């Protein structure tokens, strides 16, 4: 999985399963259908590979990943030239 997570795959993940929280300037990845093991692994990959501070939480239906606002500049720098213009709101651009 480490090799599969690239800036482009992160862009797809955010565009497809991402949700923005404008009040907190954070991202939530809606990984409700993933197992706890899969969400934990994805959290570790995001933290190690992109240095993103991620928190895992249960929403009652599954588990989600919250990427804190400290990761915003990192994500914007990685994805600003990759994401389609109509999806840049997902990274606050």
PDB file of N, CA and C in Angstrom:
ATOM      1  N   UNK A   1       0.824  -1.202   0.000  1.00  0.00           N
ATOM      2  CA  UNK A   1       0.000   0.000   0.000  1.00  0.00           C
ATOM      3  C   UNK A   1       0.861   1.255   0.000  1.00  0.00           C
ATOM      4  N   UNK A   2       2.029   1.190   0.604  1.00  0.00           N
ATOM      5  CA  UNK A   2       2.904   2.359   0.671  1.00  0.00           C
ATOM      6  C   UNK A   2       3.209   2.886  -0.724  1.00  0.00           C
ATOM      7  N   UNK A   3       3.501   1.991  -1.663  1.00  0.00           N
ATOM      8  CA  UNK A   3       3.840   2.408  -3.019  1.00  0.00           C
ATOM      9  C   UNK A   3       2.627   2.897  -3.797  1.00  0.00           C
ATOM     10  N   UNK A   4       1.452   2.408  -3.434  1.00  0.00           N
ATOM     11  CA  UNK A   4       0.235   2.787  -4.146  1.00  0.00           C
ATOM     12  C   UNK A   4      -0.259   4.172  -3.753  1.00  0.00           C
ATOM     13  N   UNK A   5       0.120   4.640  -2.575  1.00  0.00           N
ATOM     14  CA  UNK A   5      -0.332   5.960  -2.125  1.00  0.00           C
ATOM     15  C   UNK A   5       0.618   7.018  -2.679  1.00  0.00           C
ATOM     16  N   UNK A   6       0.165   7.684  -3.702  1.00  0.00           N
ATOM     17  CA  UNK A   6       0.901   8.760  -4.354  1.00  0.00           C
ATOM     18  C   UNK A   6       0.079  10.040  -4.208  1.00  0.00           C
ATOM     19  N   UNK A   7       0.629  11.182  -4.565  1.00  0.00           N
ATOM     20  CA  UNK A   7      -0.202  12.388  -4.553  1.00  0.00           C
ATOM     21  C   UNK A   7      -1.466  12.237  -5.420  1.00  0.00           C
ATOM     22  N   UNK A   8      -1.343  11.562  -6.559  1.00  0.00           N
ATOM     23  CA  UNK A   8      -2.513  11.372  -7.414  1.00  0.00           C
ATOM     24  C   UNK A   8      -3.562  10.492  -6.736  1.00  0.00           C
ATOM     25  N   UNK A   9      -3.133   9.407  -6.087  1.00  0.00           N
ATOM     26  CA  UNK A   9      -4.120   8.558  -5.404  1.00  0.00           C
ATOM     27  C   UNK A   9      -4.731   9.283  -4.213  1.00  0.00           C
ATOM     28  N   UNK A  10      -3.963  10.141  -3.560  1.00  0.00           N
ATOM     29  CA  UNK A  10      -4.518  10.956  -2.478  1.00  0.00           C
ATOM     30  C   UNK A  10      -5.568  11.923  -3.028  1.00  0.00           C
ATOM     31  N   UNK A  11      -5.308  12.484  -4.191  1.00  0.00           N
ATOM     32  CA  UNK A  11      -6.281  13.384  -4.828  1.00  0.00           C
ATOM     33  C   UNK A  11      -7.586  12.643  -5.123  1.00  0.00           C
ATOM     34  N   UNK A  12      -7.482  11.443  -5.675  1.00  0.00           N
ATOM     35  CA  UNK A  12      -8.677  10.648  -5.943  1.00  0.00           C
ATOM     36  C   UNK A  12      -9.431  10.338  -4.653  1.00  0.00           C
ATOM     37  N   UNK A  13      -8.697   9.984  -3.623  1.00  0.00           N
ATOM     38  CA  UNK A  13      -9.314   9.648  -2.345  1.00  0.00           C
ATOM     39  C   UNK A  13     -10.068  10.849  -1.780  1.00  0.00           C
ATOM     40  N   UNK A  14      -9.449  12.018  -1.816  1.00  0.00           N
ATOM     41  CA  UNK A  14     -10.094  13.221  -1.292  1.00  0.00           C
ATOM     42  C   UNK A  14     -11.293  13.627  -2.162  1.00  0.00           C
ATOM     43  N   UNK A  15     -11.133  13.555  -3.489  1.00  0.00           N
ATOM     44  CA  UNK A  15     -12.241  13.918  -4.377  1.00  0.00           C
ATOM     45  C   UNK A  15     -13.434  12.980  -4.212  1.00  0.00           C
ATOM     46  N   UNK A  16     -13.152  11.704  -4.012  1.00  0.00           N
ATOM     47  CA  UNK A  16     -14.230  10.719  -3.948  1.00  0.00           C
ATOM     48  C   UNK A  16     -14.811  10.559  -2.550  1.00  0.00           C
ATOM     49  N   UNK A  17     -13.951  10.386  -1.569  1.00  0.00           N
ATOM     50  CA  UNK A  17     -14.408  10.074  -0.217  1.00  0.00           C
ATOM     51  C   UNK A  17     -14.139  11.188   0.785  1.00  0.00           C
ATOM     52  N   UNK A  18     -13.712  12.334   0.303  1.00  0.00           N
ATOM     53  CA  UNK A  18     -13.373  13.423   1.203  1.00  0.00           C
ATOM     54  C   UNK A  18     -14.556  14.309   1.533  1.00  0.00           C
ATOM     55  N   UNK A  19     -14.438  14.936   2.664  1.00  0.00           N
ATOM     56  CA  UNK A  19     -15.431  15.893   3.118  1.00  0.00           C
ATOM     57  C   UNK A  19     -14.667  17.025   3.800  1.00  0.00           C
ATOM     58  N   UNK A  20     -15.046  18.253   3.521  1.00  0.00           N
ATOM     59  CA  UNK A  20     -14.366  19.387   4.138  1.00  0.00           C
ATOM     60  C   UNK A  20     -15.172  19.895   5.319  1.00  0.00           C
ATOM     61  N   UNK A  21     -14.472  20.331   6.317  1.00  0.00           N
ATOM     62  CA  UNK A  21     -15.099  20.945   7.485  1.00  0.00           C
ATOM     63  C   UNK A  21     -14.582  22.381   7.550  1.00  0.00           C
ATOM     64  N   UNK A  22     -15.338  23.259   6.971  1.00  0.00           N
ATOM     65  CA  UNK A  22     -14.900  24.653   6.852  1.00  0.00           C
ATOM     66  C   UNK A  22     -14.688  25.328   8.203  1.00  0.00           C
ATOM     67  N   UNK A  23     -15.459  24.977   9.180  1.00  0.00           N
ATOM     68  CA  UNK A  23     -15.312  25.597  10.495  1.00  0.00           C
ATOM     69  C   UNK A  23     -13.944  25.289  11.105  1.00  0.00           C
ATOM     70  N   UNK A  24     -13.488  24.031  10.942  1.00  0.00           N
ATOM     71  CA  UNK A  24     -12.227  23.604  11.536  1.00  0.00           C
ATOM     72  C   UNK A  24     -11.074  23.575  10.542  1.00  0.00           C
ATOM     73  N   UNK A  25     -11.346  23.842   9.261  1.00  0.00           N
ATOM     74  CA  UNK A  25     -10.338  23.745   8.202  1.00  0.00           C
ATOM     75  C   UNK A  25      -9.615  22.410   8.244  1.00  0.00           C
ATOM     76  N   UNK A  26     -10.395  21.345   8.260  1.00  0.00           N
ATOM     77  CA  UNK A  26      -9.814  20.007   8.250  1.00  0.00           C
ATOM     78  C   UNK A  26     -10.526  19.185   7.182  1.00  0.00           C
ATOM     79  N   UNK A  27      -9.974  18.021   6.914  1.00  0.00           N
ATOM     80  CA  UNK A  27     -10.561  17.082   5.960  1.00  0.00           C
ATOM     81  C   UNK A  27     -11.015  15.856   6.722  1.00  0.00           C
ATOM     82  N   UNK A  28     -12.056  15.244   6.233  1.00  0.00           N
ATOM     83  CA  UNK A  28     -12.470  13.948   6.752  1.00  0.00           C
ATOM     84  C   UNK A  28     -12.554  13.005   5.563  1.00  0.00           C
ATOM     85  N   UNK A  29     -11.921  11.859   5.702  1.00  0.00           N
ATOM     86  CA  UNK A  29     -12.030  10.819   4.688  1.00  0.00           C
ATOM     87  C   UNK A  29     -13.084   9.830   5.165  1.00  0.00           C
ATOM     88  N   UNK A  30     -14.149   9.714   4.403  1.00  0.00           N
ATOM     89  CA  UNK A  30     -15.279   8.865   4.778  1.00  0.00           C
ATOM     90  C   UNK A  30     -14.971   7.427   4.383  1.00  0.00           C
ATOM     91  N   UNK A  31     -14.318   6.752   5.292  1.00  0.00           N
ATOM     92  CA  UNK A  31     -13.877   5.378   5.071  1.00  0.00           C
ATOM     93  C   UNK A  31     -14.751   4.406   5.850  1.00  0.00           C
ATOM     94  N   UNK A  32     -16.037   4.697   5.930  1.00  0.00           N
ATOM     95  CA  UNK A  32     -16.982   3.914   6.727  1.00  0.00           C
ATOM     96  C   UNK A  32     -17.016   2.430   6.334  1.00  0.00           C
ATOM     97  N   UNK A  33     -16.836   2.146   5.061  1.00  0.00           N
ATOM     98  CA  UNK A  33     -16.942   0.758   4.606  1.00  0.00           C
ATOM     99  C   UNK A  33     -15.623  -0.008   4.731  1.00  0.00           C
ATOM    100  N   UNK A  34     -14.563   0.670   5.175  1.00  0.00           N
ATOM    101  CA  UNK A  34     -13.274  -0.001   5.368  1.00  0.00           C
ATOM    102  C   UNK A  34     -13.269  -0.672   6.736  1.00  0.00           C
ATOM    103  N   UNK A  35     -12.484  -1.727   6.851  1.00  0.00           N
ATOM    104  CA  UNK A  35     -12.328  -2.374   8.158  1.00  0.00           C
ATOM    105  C   UNK A  35     -11.429  -1.507   9.042  1.00  0.00           C
ATOM    106  N   UNK A  36     -11.453  -1.757  10.324  1.00  0.00           N
ATOM    107  CA  UNK A  36     -10.590  -1.020  11.247  1.00  0.00           C
ATOM    108  C   UNK A  36      -9.120  -1.212  10.877  1.00  0.00           C
ATOM    109  N   UNK A  37      -8.749  -2.405  10.476  1.00  0.00           N
ATOM    110  CA  UNK A  37      -7.370  -2.687  10.061  1.00  0.00           C
ATOM    111  C   UNK A  37      -6.989  -1.849   8.848  1.00  0.00           C
ATOM    112  N   UNK A  38      -7.882  -1.751   7.868  1.00  0.00           N
ATOM    113  CA  UNK A  38      -7.613  -0.973   6.657  1.00  0.00           C
ATOM    114  C   UNK A  38      -7.506   0.520   6.959  1.00  0.00           C
ATOM    115  N   UNK A  39      -8.402   1.023   7.795  1.00  0.00           N
ATOM    116  CA  UNK A  39      -8.374   2.443   8.145  1.00  0.00           C
ATOM    117  C   UNK A  39      -7.118   2.763   8.944  1.00  0.00           C
ATOM    118  N   UNK A  40      -6.734   1.877   9.830  1.00  0.00           N
ATOM    119  CA  UNK A  40      -5.510   2.076  10.609  1.00  0.00           C
ATOM    120  C   UNK A  40      -4.292   2.109   9.695  1.00  0.00           C
ATOM    121  N   UNK A  41      -4.225   1.184   8.751  1.00  0.00           N
ATOM    122  CA  UNK A  41      -3.117   1.157   7.798  1.00  0.00           C
ATOM    123  C   UNK A  41      -3.077   2.429   6.954  1.00  0.00           C
ATOM    124  N   UNK A  42      -4.224   2.859   6.460  1.00  0.00           N
ATOM    125  CA  UNK A  42      -4.283   4.079   5.663  1.00  0.00           C
ATOM    126  C   UNK A  42      -3.848   5.293   6.480  1.00  0.00           C
ATOM    127  N   UNK A  43      -4.256   5.355   7.721  1.00  0.00           N
ATOM    128  CA  UNK A  43      -3.843   6.442   8.612  1.00  0.00           C
ATOM    129  C   UNK A  43      -2.321   6.456   8.774  1.00  0.00           C
ATOM    130  N   UNK A  44      -1.739   5.299   8.960  1.00  0.00           N
ATOM    131  CA  UNK A  44      -0.286   5.190   9.105  1.00  0.00           C
ATOM    132  C   UNK A  44       0.436   5.612   7.833  1.00  0.00           C
ATOM    133  N   UNK A  45      -0.090   5.206   6.687  1.00  0.00           N
ATOM    134  CA  UNK A  45       0.530   5.575   5.412  1.00  0.00           C
ATOM    135  C   UNK A  45       0.476   7.089   5.207  1.00  0.00           C
ATOM    136  N   UNK A  46      -0.662   7.699   5.464  1.00  0.00           N
ATOM    137  CA  UNK A  46      -0.795   9.150   5.310  1.00  0.00           C
ATOM    138  C   UNK A  46       0.142   9.899   6.253  1.00  0.00           C
ATOM    139  N   UNK A  47       0.276   9.402   7.455  1.00  0.00           N
ATOM    140  CA  UNK A  47       1.153  10.048   8.438  1.00  0.00           C
ATOM    141  C   UNK A  47       2.620   9.900   8.056  1.00  0.00           C
ATOM    142  N   UNK A  48       3.019   8.718   7.662  1.00  0.00           N
ATOM    143  CA  UNK A  48       4.426   8.469   7.343  1.00  0.00           C
ATOM    144  C   UNK A  48       4.838   9.053   5.995  1.00  0.00           C
ATOM    145  N   UNK A  49       4.028   8.809   4.990  1.00  0.00           N
ATOM    146  CA  UNK A  49       4.417   9.206   3.634  1.00  0.00           C
ATOM    147  C   UNK A  49       4.279  10.708   3.375  1.00  0.00           C
ATOM    148  N   UNK A  50       3.201  11.311   3.905  1.00  0.00           N
ATOM    149  CA  UNK A  50       2.943  12.720   3.633  1.00  0.00           C
ATOM    150  C   UNK A  50       3.069  13.608   4.868  1.00  0.00           C
ATOM    151  N   UNK A  51       3.415  13.010   6.000  1.00  0.00           N
ATOM    152  CA  UNK A  51       3.586  13.748   7.266  1.00  0.00           C
ATOM    153  C   UNK A  51       2.304  14.464   7.676  1.00  0.00           C
ATOM    154  N   UNK A  52       1.183  13.796   7.477  1.00  0.00           N
ATOM    155  CA  UNK A  52      -0.114  14.360   7.839  1.00  0.00           C
ATOM    156  C   UNK A  52      -0.526  13.860   9.212  1.00  0.00           C
ATOM    157  N   UNK A  53      -1.012  14.775  10.037  1.00  0.00           N
ATOM    158  CA  UNK A  53      -1.516  14.397  11.349  1.00  0.00           C
ATOM    159  C   UNK A  53      -2.955  13.911  11.165  1.00  0.00           C
ATOM    160  N   UNK A  54      -3.145  12.632  11.412  1.00  0.00           N
ATOM    161  CA  UNK A  54      -4.447  12.011  11.194  1.00  0.00           C
ATOM    162  C   UNK A  54      -4.985  11.425  12.489  1.00  0.00           C
ATOM    163  N   UNK A  55      -6.280  11.533  12.652  1.00  0.00           N
ATOM    164  CA  UNK A  55      -6.963  10.911  13.779  1.00  0.00           C
ATOM    165  C   UNK A  55      -8.019   9.973  13.231  1.00  0.00           C
ATOM    166  N   UNK A  56      -8.167   8.856  13.874  1.00  0.00           N
ATOM    167  CA  UNK A  56      -9.157   7.866  13.512  1.00  0.00           C
ATOM    168  C   UNK A  56     -10.311   7.982  14.509  1.00  0.00           C
ATOM    169  N   UNK A  57     -11.542   7.956  14.012  1.00  0.00           N
ATOM    170  CA  UNK A  57     -12.666   7.985  14.932  1.00  0.00           C
ATOM    171  C   UNK A  57     -13.822   7.168  14.376  1.00  0.00           C
ATOM    172  N   UNK A  58     -14.668   6.723  15.269  1.00  0.00           N
ATOM    173  CA  UNK A  58     -15.853   5.960  14.892  1.00  0.00           C
ATOM    174  C   UNK A  58     -17.028   6.919  14.773  1.00  0.00           C
ATOM    175  N   UNK A  59     -17.802   6.754  13.718  1.00  0.00           N
ATOM    176  CA  UNK A  59     -18.988   7.595  13.554  1.00  0.00           C
ATOM    177  C   UNK A  59     -20.274   6.807  13.778  1.00  0.00           C
ATOM    178  N   UNK A  60     -20.145   5.598  14.285  1.00  0.00           N
ATOM    179  CA  UNK A  60     -21.304   4.759  14.525  1.00  0.00           C
ATOM    180  C   UNK A  60     -21.541   3.744  13.424  1.00  0.00           C
ATOM    181  N   UNK A  61     -21.193   4.095  12.186  1.00  0.00           N
ATOM    182  CA  UNK A  61     -21.359   3.187  11.051  1.00  0.00           C
ATOM    183  C   UNK A  61     -20.045   2.576  10.598  1.00  0.00           C
ATOM    184  N   UNK A  62     -18.953   3.063  11.108  1.00  0.00           N
ATOM    185  CA  UNK A  62     -17.633   2.618  10.685  1.00  0.00           C
ATOM    186  C   UNK A  62     -16.598   3.586  11.218  1.00  0.00           C
ATOM    187  N   UNK A  63     -15.482   3.630  10.557  1.00  0.00           N
ATOM    188  CA  UNK A  63     -14.380   4.478  10.998  1.00  0.00           C
ATOM    189  C   UNK A  63     -14.034   5.506   9.928  1.00  0.00           C
ATOM    190  N   UNK A  64     -13.668   6.686  10.378  1.00  0.00           N
ATOM    191  CA  UNK A  64     -13.280   7.766   9.474  1.00  0.00           C
ATOM    192  C   UNK A  64     -11.930   8.315   9.893  1.00  0.00           C
ATOM    193  N   UNK A  65     -11.297   8.985   8.933  1.00  0.00           N
ATOM    194  CA  UNK A  65      -9.987   9.587   9.174  1.00  0.00           C
ATOM    195  C   UNK A  65     -10.139  11.098   9.097  1.00  0.00           C
ATOM    196  N   UNK A  66      -9.664  11.765  10.120  1.00  0.00           N
ATOM    197  CA  UNK A  66      -9.670  13.229  10.148  1.00  0.00           C
ATOM    198  C   UNK A  66      -8.235  13.697   9.967  1.00  0.00           C
ATOM    199  N   UNK A  67      -8.008  14.522   8.950  1.00  0.00           N
ATOM    200  CA  UNK A  67      -6.702  15.120   8.705  1.00  0.00           C
ATOM    201  C   UNK A  67      -6.768  16.542   9.237  1.00  0.00           C
ATOM    202  N   UNK A  68      -5.937  16.854  10.206  1.00  0.00           N
ATOM    203  CA  UNK A  68      -6.029  18.136  10.903  1.00  0.00           C
ATOM    204  C   UNK A  68      -5.648  19.301   9.987  1.00  0.00           C
ATOM    205  N   UNK A  69      -5.995  20.500  10.443  1.00  0.00           N
ATOM    206  CA  UNK A  69      -5.734  21.695   9.641  1.00  0.00           C
ATOM    207  C   UNK A  69      -4.246  21.957   9.454  1.00  0.00           C
ATOM    208  N   UNK A  70      -3.387  21.374  10.282  1.00  0.00           N
ATOM    209  CA  UNK A  70      -1.946  21.537  10.071  1.00  0.00           C
ATOM    210  C   UNK A  70      -1.504  20.852   8.783  1.00  0.00           C
ATOM    211  N   UNK A  71      -2.309  19.909   8.306  1.00  0.00           N
ATOM    212  CA  UNK A  71      -2.003  19.224   7.052  1.00  0.00           C
ATOM    213  C   UNK A  71      -2.469  19.977   5.821  1.00  0.00           C
ATOM    214  N   UNK A  72      -3.253  21.029   6.009  1.00  0.00           N
ATOM    215  CA  UNK A  72      -3.798  21.779   4.880  1.00  0.00           C
ATOM    216  C   UNK A  72      -2.724  22.283   3.923  1.00  0.00           C
ATOM    217  N   UNK A  73      -1.666  22.963   4.385  1.00  0.00           N
ATOM    218  CA  UNK A  73      -0.655  23.428   3.438  1.00  0.00           C
ATOM    219  C   UNK A  73       0.062  22.285   2.723  1.00  0.00           C
ATOM    220  N   UNK A  74       0.243  21.171   3.409  1.00  0.00           N
ATOM    221  CA  UNK A  74       0.902  20.009   2.798  1.00  0.00           C
ATOM    222  C   UNK A  74       0.031  19.454   1.677  1.00  0.00           C
ATOM    223  N   UNK A  75      -1.237  19.262   1.966  1.00  0.00           N
ATOM    224  CA  UNK A  75      -2.161  18.723   0.975  1.00  0.00           C
ATOM    225  C   UNK A  75      -2.312  19.693  -0.197  1.00  0.00           C
ATOM    226  N   UNK A  76      -2.430  20.971   0.090  1.00  0.00           N
ATOM    227  CA  UNK A  76      -2.557  21.958  -0.997  1.00  0.00           C
ATOM    228  C   UNK A  76      -1.334  21.946  -1.903  1.00  0.00           C
ATOM    229  N   UNK A  77      -0.149  21.895  -1.327  1.00  0.00           N
ATOM    230  CA  UNK A  77       1.075  21.877  -2.128  1.00  0.00           C
ATOM    231  C   UNK A  77       1.162  20.611  -2.982  1.00  0.00           C
ATOM    232  N   UNK A  78       0.754  19.487  -2.423  1.00  0.00           N
ATOM    233  CA  UNK A  78       0.811  18.222  -3.153  1.00  0.00           C
ATOM    234  C   UNK A  78      -0.203  18.156  -4.292  1.00  0.00           C
ATOM    235  N   UNK A  79      -1.376  18.727  -4.072  1.00  0.00           N
ATOM    236  CA  UNK A  79      -2.491  18.475  -4.982  1.00  0.00           C
ATOM    237  C   UNK A  79      -2.928  19.647  -5.845  1.00  0.00           C
ATOM    238  N   UNK A  80      -2.405  20.839  -5.612  1.00  0.00           N
ATOM    239  CA  UNK A  80      -2.914  22.021  -6.332  1.00  0.00           C
ATOM    240  C   UNK A  80      -2.824  21.886  -7.848  1.00  0.00           C
ATOM    241  N   UNK A  81      -1.812  21.189  -8.359  1.00  0.00           N
ATOM    242  CA  UNK A  81      -1.659  21.040  -9.809  1.00  0.00           C
ATOM    243  C   UNK A  81      -2.261  19.745 -10.335  1.00  0.00           C
ATOM    244  N   UNK A  82      -2.762  18.899  -9.441  1.00  0.00           N
ATOM    245  CA  UNK A  82      -3.283  17.591  -9.837  1.00  0.00           C
ATOM    246  C   UNK A  82      -4.811  17.580  -9.853  1.00  0.00           C
ATOM    247  N   UNK A  83      -5.417  18.202  -8.865  1.00  0.00           N
ATOM    248  CA  UNK A  83      -6.877  18.130  -8.728  1.00  0.00           C
ATOM    249  C   UNK A  83      -7.577  18.953  -9.796  1.00  0.00           C
ATOM    250  N   UNK A  84      -8.694  18.437 -10.292  1.00  0.00           N
ATOM    251  CA  UNK A  84      -9.495  19.228 -11.230  1.00  0.00           C
ATOM    252  C   UNK A  84      -9.990  20.502 -10.548  1.00  0.00           C
ATOM    253  N   UNK A  85     -10.096  21.568 -11.311  1.00  0.00           N
ATOM    254  CA  UNK A  85     -10.513  22.857 -10.773  1.00  0.00           C
ATOM    255  C   UNK A  85     -11.802  22.802  -9.983  1.00  0.00           C
ATOM    256  N   UNK A  86     -12.773  22.025 -10.472  1.00  0.00           N
ATOM    257  CA  UNK A  86     -14.066  21.968  -9.792  1.00  0.00           C
ATOM    258  C   UNK A  86     -14.012  21.228  -8.458  1.00  0.00           C
ATOM    259  N   UNK A  87     -12.897  20.546  -8.179  1.00  0.00           N
ATOM    260  CA  UNK A  87     -12.765  19.802  -6.921  1.00  0.00           C
ATOM    261  C   UNK A  87     -11.814  20.485  -5.934  1.00  0.00           C
ATOM    262  N   UNK A  88     -11.220  21.587  -6.320  1.00  0.00           N
ATOM    263  CA  UNK A  88     -10.243  22.244  -5.450  1.00  0.00           C
ATOM    264  C   UNK A  88     -10.859  22.798  -4.166  1.00  0.00           C
ATOM    265  N   UNK A  89     -12.172  22.947  -4.151  1.00  0.00           N
ATOM    266  CA  UNK A  89     -12.805  23.374  -2.890  1.00  0.00           C
ATOM    267  C   UNK A  89     -12.552  22.353  -1.797  1.00  0.00           C
ATOM    268  N   UNK A  90     -12.322  21.088  -2.206  1.00  0.00           N
ATOM    269  CA  UNK A  90     -12.062  20.021  -1.240  1.00  0.00           C
ATOM    270  C   UNK A  90     -10.759  20.255  -0.462  1.00  0.00           C
ATOM    271  N   UNK A  91      -9.865  21.077  -1.048  1.00  0.00           N
ATOM    272  CA  UNK A  91      -8.614  21.388  -0.359  1.00  0.00           C
ATOM    273  C   UNK A  91      -8.513  22.893  -0.089  1.00  0.00           C
ATOM    274  N   UNK A  92      -9.666  23.537  -0.023  1.00  0.00           N
ATOM    275  CA  UNK A  92      -9.772  24.966   0.315  1.00  0.00           C
ATOM    276  C   UNK A  92      -9.025  25.868  -0.656  1.00  0.00           C
ATOM    277  N   UNK A  93      -9.054  25.533  -1.931  1.00  0.00           N
ATOM    278  CA  UNK A  93      -8.469  26.412  -2.963  1.00  0.00           C
ATOM    279  C   UNK A  93      -9.552  26.902  -3.891  1.00  0.00           C
TER     280      UNK A  93
END
